[in-house]
All heavy atoms as atom14 arrays in JSON, in Angstrom:
{
  "sequence": "MFTGCRECHGEVGRPPAGRHREFCGVSCRNRW",
  "atom14_mask": [
    [1, 1, 1, 1, 1, 1, 1, 1, 0, 0, 0, 0, 0, 0],
    [1, 1, 1, 1, 1, 1, 1, 1, 1, 1, 1, 0, 0, 0],
    [1, 1, 1, 1, 1, 1, 1, 0, 0, 0, 0, 0, 0, 0],
    [1, 1, 1, 1, 0, 0, 0, 0, 0, 0, 0, 0, 0, 0],
    [1, 1, 1, 1, 1, 1, 0, 0, 0, 0, 0, 0, 0, 0],
    [1, 1, 1, 1, 1, 1, 1, 1, 1, 1, 1, 0, 0, 0],
    [1, 1, 1, 1, 1, 1, 1, 1, 1, 0, 0, 0, 0, 0],
    [1, 1, 1, 1, 1, 1, 0, 0, 0, 0, 0, 0, 0, 0],
    [1, 1, 1, 1, 1, 1, 1, 1, 1, 1, 0, 0, 0, 0],
    [1, 1, 1, 1, 0, 0, 0, 0, 0, 0, 0, 0, 0, 0],
    [1, 1, 1, 1, 1, 1, 1, 1, 1, 0, 0, 0, 0, 0],
    [1, 1, 1, 1, 1, 1, 1, 0, 0, 0, 0, 0, 0, 0],
    [1, 1, 1, 1, 0, 0, 0, 0, 0, 0, 0, 0, 0, 0],
    [1, 1, 1, 1, 1, 1, 1, 1, 1, 1, 1, 0, 0, 0],
    [1, 1, 1, 1, 1, 1, 1, 0, 0, 0, 0, 0, 0, 0],
    [1, 1, 1, 1, 1, 1, 1, 0, 0, 0, 0, 0, 0, 0],
    [1, 1, 1, 1, 1, 0, 0, 0, 0, 0, 0, 0, 0, 0],
    [1, 1, 1, 1, 0, 0, 0, 0, 0, 0, 0, 0, 0, 0],
    [1, 1, 1, 1, 1, 1, 1, 1, 1, 1, 1, 0, 0, 0],
    [1, 1, 1, 1, 1, 1, 1, 1, 1, 1, 0, 0, 0, 0],
    [1, 1, 1, 1, 1, 1, 1, 1, 1, 1, 1, 0, 0, 0],
    [1, 1, 1, 1, 1, 1, 1, 1, 1, 0, 0, 0, 0, 0],
    [1, 1, 1, 1, 1, 1, 1, 1, 1, 1, 1, 0, 0, 0],
    [1, 1, 1, 1, 1, 1, 0, 0, 0, 0, 0, 0, 0, 0],
    [1, 1, 1, 1, 0, 0, 0, 0, 0, 0, 0, 0, 0, 0],
    [1, 1, 1, 1, 1, 1, 1, 0, 0, 0, 0, 0, 0, 0],
    [1, 1, 1, 1, 1, 1, 0, 0, 0, 0, 0, 0, 0, 0],
    [1, 1, 1, 1, 1, 1, 0, 0, 0, 0, 0, 0, 0, 0],
    [1, 1, 1, 1, 1, 1, 1, 1, 1, 1, 1, 0, 0, 0],
    [1, 1, 1, 1, 1, 1, 1, 1, 0, 0, 0, 0, 0, 0],
    [1, 1, 1, 1, 1, 1, 1, 1, 1, 1, 1, 0, 0, 0],
    [1, 1, 1, 1, 1, 1, 1, 1, 1, 1, 1, 1, 1, 1]
  ],
  "atom14_positions": [
    [[221.34, 405.43, 24.68], [221.26, 406.0, 23.33], [220.29, 405.16, 22.48], [220.29, 403.97, 22.49], [222.61, 405.97, 22.66], [222.67, 406.48, 21.22], [224.31, 406.51, 20.6], [223.95, 407.09, 18.92], [0.0, 0.0, 0.0], [0.0, 0.0, 0.0], [0.0, 0.0, 0.0], [0.0, 0.0, 0.0], [0.0, 0.0, 0.0], [0.0, 0.0, 0.0]],
    [[219.42, 405.94, 21.7], [218.49, 405.24, 20.86], [219.18, 404.58, 19.68], [220.14, 405.1, 19.12], [217.51, 406.28, 20.34], [216.47, 405.66, 19.35], [215.34, 405.03, 19.8], [216.7, 405.77, 18.0], [214.47, 404.47, 18.9], [215.85, 405.25, 17.1], [214.73, 404.59, 17.52], [0.0, 0.0, 0.0], [0.0, 0.0, 0.0], [0.0, 0.0, 0.0]],
    [[218.71, 403.34, 19.32], [219.26, 402.63, 18.17], [218.15, 402.21, 17.3], [217.27, 401.48, 17.77], [220.1, 401.48, 18.67], [221.14, 401.91, 19.56], [220.76, 400.73, 17.42], [0.0, 0.0, 0.0], [0.0, 0.0, 0.0], [0.0, 0.0, 0.0], [0.0, 0.0, 0.0], [0.0, 0.0, 0.0], [0.0, 0.0, 0.0], [0.0, 0.0, 0.0]],
    [[218.15, 402.53, 16.02], [217.13, 402.15, 15.12], [217.73, 401.67, 13.81], [218.98, 401.83, 13.65], [0.0, 0.0, 0.0], [0.0, 0.0, 0.0], [0.0, 0.0, 0.0], [0.0, 0.0, 0.0], [0.0, 0.0, 0.0], [0.0, 0.0, 0.0], [0.0, 0.0, 0.0], [0.0, 0.0, 0.0], [0.0, 0.0, 0.0], [0.0, 0.0, 0.0]],
    [[217.04, 401.17, 12.9], [217.59, 400.71, 11.66], [217.55, 401.82, 10.55], [216.78, 402.77, 10.7], [216.9, 399.48, 11.17], [215.23, 399.75, 10.54], [0.0, 0.0, 0.0], [0.0, 0.0, 0.0], [0.0, 0.0, 0.0], [0.0, 0.0, 0.0], [0.0, 0.0, 0.0], [0.0, 0.0, 0.0], [0.0, 0.0, 0.0], [0.0, 0.0, 0.0]],
    [[218.34, 401.69, 9.58], [218.4, 402.69, 8.5], [217.08, 402.78, 7.73], [216.69, 403.85, 7.24], [219.58, 402.42, 7.55], [220.9, 402.46, 8.23], [222.03, 402.1, 7.23], [223.34, 401.98, 7.92], [224.08, 403.03, 8.25], [223.7, 404.27, 7.92], [225.23, 402.85, 8.83], [0.0, 0.0, 0.0], [0.0, 0.0, 0.0], [0.0, 0.0, 0.0]],
    [[216.37, 401.65, 7.6], [215.18, 401.62, 6.84], [214.1, 402.51, 7.45], [213.38, 403.17, 6.72], [214.7, 400.17, 6.73], [213.41, 400.07, 5.85], [212.98, 398.59, 5.74], [213.61, 397.72, 6.34], [211.98, 398.35, 5.04], [0.0, 0.0, 0.0], [0.0, 0.0, 0.0], [0.0, 0.0, 0.0], [0.0, 0.0, 0.0], [0.0, 0.0, 0.0]],
    [[213.97, 402.48, 8.82], [212.96, 403.21, 9.45], [213.37, 404.67, 9.72], [212.61, 405.56, 9.63], [212.54, 402.56, 10.77], [211.54, 401.14, 10.6], [0.0, 0.0, 0.0], [0.0, 0.0, 0.0], [0.0, 0.0, 0.0], [0.0, 0.0, 0.0], [0.0, 0.0, 0.0], [0.0, 0.0, 0.0], [0.0, 0.0, 0.0], [0.0, 0.0, 0.0]],
    [[214.6, 404.9, 10.11], [215.02, 406.16, 10.6], [216.07, 406.87, 9.76], [216.54, 407.97, 10.11], [215.55, 406.02, 12.06], [214.61, 405.33, 12.94], [213.42, 405.88, 13.29], [214.69, 404.13, 13.6], [212.75, 405.05, 14.11], [213.56, 403.97, 14.28], [0.0, 0.0, 0.0], [0.0, 0.0, 0.0], [0.0, 0.0, 0.0], [0.0, 0.0, 0.0]],
    [[216.52, 406.26, 8.68], [217.44, 406.92, 7.78], [218.89, 406.67, 8.21], [219.75, 406.6, 7.34], [0.0, 0.0, 0.0], [0.0, 0.0, 0.0], [0.0, 0.0, 0.0], [0.0, 0.0, 0.0], [0.0, 0.0, 0.0], [0.0, 0.0, 0.0], [0.0, 0.0, 0.0], [0.0, 0.0, 0.0], [0.0, 0.0, 0.0], [0.0, 0.0, 0.0]],
    [[219.13, 406.54, 9.46], [220.48, 406.31, 9.95], [220.35, 405.79, 11.38], [219.43, 405.89, 12.05], [221.29, 407.63, 9.96], [220.7, 408.69, 10.84], [221.47, 409.97, 10.82], [222.45, 410.03, 10.0], [221.19, 410.85, 11.65], [0.0, 0.0, 0.0], [0.0, 0.0, 0.0], [0.0, 0.0, 0.0], [0.0, 0.0, 0.0], [0.0, 0.0, 0.0]],
    [[221.52, 405.17, 11.84], [221.54, 404.66, 13.2], [221.69, 405.85, 14.12], [222.56, 406.69, 13.91], [222.67, 403.64, 13.4], [222.81, 403.24, 14.82], [222.47, 402.46, 12.48], [0.0, 0.0, 0.0], [0.0, 0.0, 0.0], [0.0, 0.0, 0.0], [0.0, 0.0, 0.0], [0.0, 0.0, 0.0], [0.0, 0.0, 0.0], [0.0, 0.0, 0.0]],
    [[220.88, 405.88, 15.14], [220.93, 406.99, 16.1], [219.57, 407.56, 16.31], [218.56, 406.93, 15.98], [0.0, 0.0, 0.0], [0.0, 0.0, 0.0], [0.0, 0.0, 0.0], [0.0, 0.0, 0.0], [0.0, 0.0, 0.0], [0.0, 0.0, 0.0], [0.0, 0.0, 0.0], [0.0, 0.0, 0.0], [0.0, 0.0, 0.0], [0.0, 0.0, 0.0]],
    [[219.54, 408.74, 16.93], [218.2, 409.34, 17.21], [217.53, 409.89, 15.99], [218.17, 410.62, 15.19], [218.42, 410.44, 18.25], [217.14, 411.06, 18.79], [217.44, 412.13, 19.82], [218.2, 411.57, 20.91], [217.57, 410.97, 21.93], [216.31, 410.8, 21.98], [218.35, 410.47, 22.93], [0.0, 0.0, 0.0], [0.0, 0.0, 0.0], [0.0, 0.0, 0.0]],
    [[216.25, 409.56, 15.76], [215.56, 410.07, 14.61], [215.39, 411.61, 14.7], [215.43, 412.15, 15.8], [214.25, 409.36, 14.56], [214.0, 409.0, 16.0], [215.39, 408.72, 16.57], [0.0, 0.0, 0.0], [0.0, 0.0, 0.0], [0.0, 0.0, 0.0], [0.0, 0.0, 0.0], [0.0, 0.0, 0.0], [0.0, 0.0, 0.0], [0.0, 0.0, 0.0]],
    [[215.11, 412.28, 13.57], [214.92, 413.77, 13.58], [213.81, 414.17, 14.53], [212.81, 413.47, 14.7], [214.6, 414.11, 12.15], [215.12, 412.93, 11.33], [215.03, 411.77, 12.21], [0.0, 0.0, 0.0], [0.0, 0.0, 0.0], [0.0, 0.0, 0.0], [0.0, 0.0, 0.0], [0.0, 0.0, 0.0], [0.0, 0.0, 0.0], [0.0, 0.0, 0.0]],
    [[213.94, 415.35, 15.19], [212.95, 415.81, 16.1], [211.59, 416.01, 15.36], [211.58, 416.55, 14.21], [213.38, 417.12, 16.66], [0.0, 0.0, 0.0], [0.0, 0.0, 0.0], [0.0, 0.0, 0.0], [0.0, 0.0, 0.0], [0.0, 0.0, 0.0], [0.0, 0.0, 0.0], [0.0, 0.0, 0.0], [0.0, 0.0, 0.0], [0.0, 0.0, 0.0]],
    [[210.49, 415.61, 15.97], [209.2, 415.78, 15.39], [208.77, 414.71, 14.48], [207.61, 414.69, 14.01], [0.0, 0.0, 0.0], [0.0, 0.0, 0.0], [0.0, 0.0, 0.0], [0.0, 0.0, 0.0], [0.0, 0.0, 0.0], [0.0, 0.0, 0.0], [0.0, 0.0, 0.0], [0.0, 0.0, 0.0], [0.0, 0.0, 0.0], [0.0, 0.0, 0.0]],
    [[209.65, 413.79, 14.11], [209.31, 412.72, 13.17], [208.76, 411.5, 13.97], [209.3, 411.16, 14.96], [210.56, 412.32, 12.39], [210.29, 411.17, 11.41], [211.52, 410.85, 10.67], [211.34, 409.65, 9.79], [212.32, 409.15, 9.01], [213.52, 409.74, 8.99], [212.1, 408.08, 8.32], [0.0, 0.0, 0.0], [0.0, 0.0, 0.0], [0.0, 0.0, 0.0]],
    [[207.68, 410.91, 13.42], [207.16, 409.74, 14.09], [208.19, 408.62, 14.08], [208.78, 408.34, 13.02], [205.86, 409.25, 13.4], [204.67, 410.16, 13.69], [204.12, 410.21, 14.98], [204.01, 411.01, 12.88], [203.11, 411.04, 14.91], [203.04, 411.58, 13.73], [0.0, 0.0, 0.0], [0.0, 0.0, 0.0], [0.0, 0.0, 0.0], [0.0, 0.0, 0.0]],
    [[208.4, 407.98, 15.23], [209.35, 406.89, 15.26], [208.69, 405.53, 14.93], [208.16, 404.93, 15.82], [210.03, 406.86, 16.66], [210.72, 408.14, 17.01], [211.3, 408.05, 18.36], [211.96, 409.34, 18.74], [212.55, 409.56, 19.92], [212.53, 408.66, 20.86], [213.14, 410.71, 20.16], [0.0, 0.0, 0.0], [0.0, 0.0, 0.0], [0.0, 0.0, 0.0]],
    [[208.61, 405.17, 13.73], [208.04, 403.93, 13.36], [208.95, 402.85, 13.73], [210.07, 402.7, 13.24], [207.72, 403.96, 11.83], [206.76, 404.99, 11.42], [206.6, 405.05, 9.96], [207.47, 404.46, 9.2], [205.64, 405.62, 9.48], [0.0, 0.0, 0.0], [0.0, 0.0, 0.0], [0.0, 0.0, 0.0], [0.0, 0.0, 0.0], [0.0, 0.0, 0.0]],
    [[208.52, 401.98, 14.63], [209.37, 400.99, 15.18], [209.75, 399.92, 14.19], [209.02, 399.44, 13.38], [208.68, 400.35, 16.39], [209.55, 399.37, 17.09], [210.85, 399.67, 17.49], [209.09, 398.12, 17.37], [211.59, 398.76, 18.14], [209.85, 397.18, 18.0], [211.14, 397.53, 18.38], [0.0, 0.0, 0.0], [0.0, 0.0, 0.0], [0.0, 0.0, 0.0]],
    [[211.04, 399.49, 14.21], [211.57, 398.6, 13.2], [211.92, 397.25, 13.77], [212.52, 396.43, 13.06], [212.77, 399.24, 12.57], [214.11, 399.61, 13.8], [0.0, 0.0, 0.0], [0.0, 0.0, 0.0], [0.0, 0.0, 0.0], [0.0, 0.0, 0.0], [0.0, 0.0, 0.0], [0.0, 0.0, 0.0], [0.0, 0.0, 0.0], [0.0, 0.0, 0.0]],
    [[211.61, 396.97, 15.06], [211.96, 395.66, 15.63], [213.13, 395.68, 16.51], [213.53, 394.65, 17.06], [0.0, 0.0, 0.0], [0.0, 0.0, 0.0], [0.0, 0.0, 0.0], [0.0, 0.0, 0.0], [0.0, 0.0, 0.0], [0.0, 0.0, 0.0], [0.0, 0.0, 0.0], [0.0, 0.0, 0.0], [0.0, 0.0, 0.0], [0.0, 0.0, 0.0]],
    [[213.79, 396.82, 16.67], [214.93, 396.99, 17.56], [214.47, 397.52, 18.89], [213.77, 398.5, 18.94], [216.01, 397.93, 16.93], [217.19, 398.02, 17.83], [216.35, 397.48, 15.56], [0.0, 0.0, 0.0], [0.0, 0.0, 0.0], [0.0, 0.0, 0.0], [0.0, 0.0, 0.0], [0.0, 0.0, 0.0], [0.0, 0.0, 0.0], [0.0, 0.0, 0.0]],
    [[214.86, 396.88, 19.97], [214.48, 397.3, 21.32], [215.13, 398.63, 21.62], [216.23, 398.93, 21.12], [214.9, 396.24, 22.39], [216.28, 396.11, 22.36], [0.0, 0.0, 0.0], [0.0, 0.0, 0.0], [0.0, 0.0, 0.0], [0.0, 0.0, 0.0], [0.0, 0.0, 0.0], [0.0, 0.0, 0.0], [0.0, 0.0, 0.0], [0.0, 0.0, 0.0]],
    [[214.5, 399.48, 22.39], [215.05, 400.83, 22.72], [214.63, 401.19, 24.13], [213.81, 400.48, 24.74], [214.66, 401.81, 21.71], [212.85, 402.27, 21.85], [0.0, 0.0, 0.0], [0.0, 0.0, 0.0], [0.0, 0.0, 0.0], [0.0, 0.0, 0.0], [0.0, 0.0, 0.0], [0.0, 0.0, 0.0], [0.0, 0.0, 0.0], [0.0, 0.0, 0.0]],
    [[215.07, 402.3, 24.59], [214.75, 402.69, 25.98], [213.35, 403.05, 26.18], [212.85, 403.13, 27.29], [215.71, 403.88, 26.33], [215.36, 405.2, 25.57], [216.27, 406.26, 26.03], [215.94, 407.56, 25.32], [216.56, 408.68, 25.58], [217.54, 408.7, 26.42], [216.18, 409.81, 24.93], [0.0, 0.0, 0.0], [0.0, 0.0, 0.0], [0.0, 0.0, 0.0]],
    [[212.56, 403.32, 25.1], [211.22, 403.67, 25.24], [210.25, 402.46, 25.31], [209.06, 402.57, 25.38], [210.73, 404.55, 24.04], [211.3, 405.9, 24.05], [211.43, 406.47, 25.15], [211.78, 406.41, 22.94], [0.0, 0.0, 0.0], [0.0, 0.0, 0.0], [0.0, 0.0, 0.0], [0.0, 0.0, 0.0], [0.0, 0.0, 0.0], [0.0, 0.0, 0.0]],
    [[210.88, 401.24, 25.36], [210.11, 400.0, 25.53], [209.03, 399.84, 24.5], [207.88, 399.4, 24.78], [209.48, 399.96, 26.99], [210.51, 399.99, 28.09], [209.8, 399.71, 29.42], [208.77, 400.75, 29.64], [207.94, 400.64, 30.64], [207.96, 399.62, 31.46], [206.99, 401.56, 30.79], [0.0, 0.0, 0.0], [0.0, 0.0, 0.0], [0.0, 0.0, 0.0]],
    [[209.33, 400.22, 23.26], [208.35, 399.92, 22.22], [208.15, 398.39, 22.01], [209.01, 397.63, 22.22], [208.83, 400.53, 20.88], [208.88, 402.04, 20.95], [208.27, 402.86, 21.85], [209.53, 402.88, 20.04], [208.54, 404.15, 21.56], [209.38, 404.16, 20.5], [210.33, 402.69, 18.88], [209.87, 405.28, 19.81], [210.86, 403.76, 18.28], [210.63, 405.06, 18.71]]
  ]
}
């Protein structure tokens, strides 16, 4: 499951479809 910060993605979880995923420093399955 994708995990991001509220600052970048608005909430913890998967960002909205079609929105650029601006990386916030949290590791994820996409190996950003």
